Amino acid sequence: MRGLMRGLAIFLTGAALGTGFGVALGFFLFPFVFPPPEANEQLSDAERAAPVASGGFIHANPSDPVHWGKGKVGLYERAVFLETDFEVGPGPKYHVYLVPNAKVRREADVKDAMFVDLGRLRAFKGSQRYDIPSGVDPKKYPSVVIWCEQFGVLISPADLVAR
């Protein structure tokens, strides 16, 4: 009887660990197996003529090989534009935020701020345009960040320099 209970406990522990590992692996492999199409959006000539600021996405935590980003970003009066060289490591439920803090490097820099959510990231690679809601002054936001809403993780920040 004791051997049967021990075997059952080992089986259930293995099943729970295997299921947990499989789900975690699925979260990380799904974007690689079924990647979204590369974005290719454009700005109008009028928007391009009036930039407010620009910057580049960085790898905020080099010891984290999963959460990274690179490429240029432009801030305009009514839009944020991720340039054609934009790219982030894939993951679930990424969003683009305007953050009123400069030099965002930690999750707390975003969580403690009154950020503006511009919407869900449409692709992990390529140019994308995000409208800034009316009433929001883009000059008050020195950072654009890519944020994973599902896990509350900073993926990649971009420090903006006024033009």
Foldseek 3Di string as FASTA:
>chain_A
DVVVVVVVVVVVVVVVVVVVVVVVVCQQCVCVVPPADADEDDDDPVQVVAWFWKWWKAALDVVDPQFTWTAMWTHTAWKIKTAQATATRDGPFKWKKQWLDAPDRFLCSRVVTPIDTQDTDRHRGGMDMTTDDPPDGSNSGQKMFIARPVVSGTRIMIGIDTD
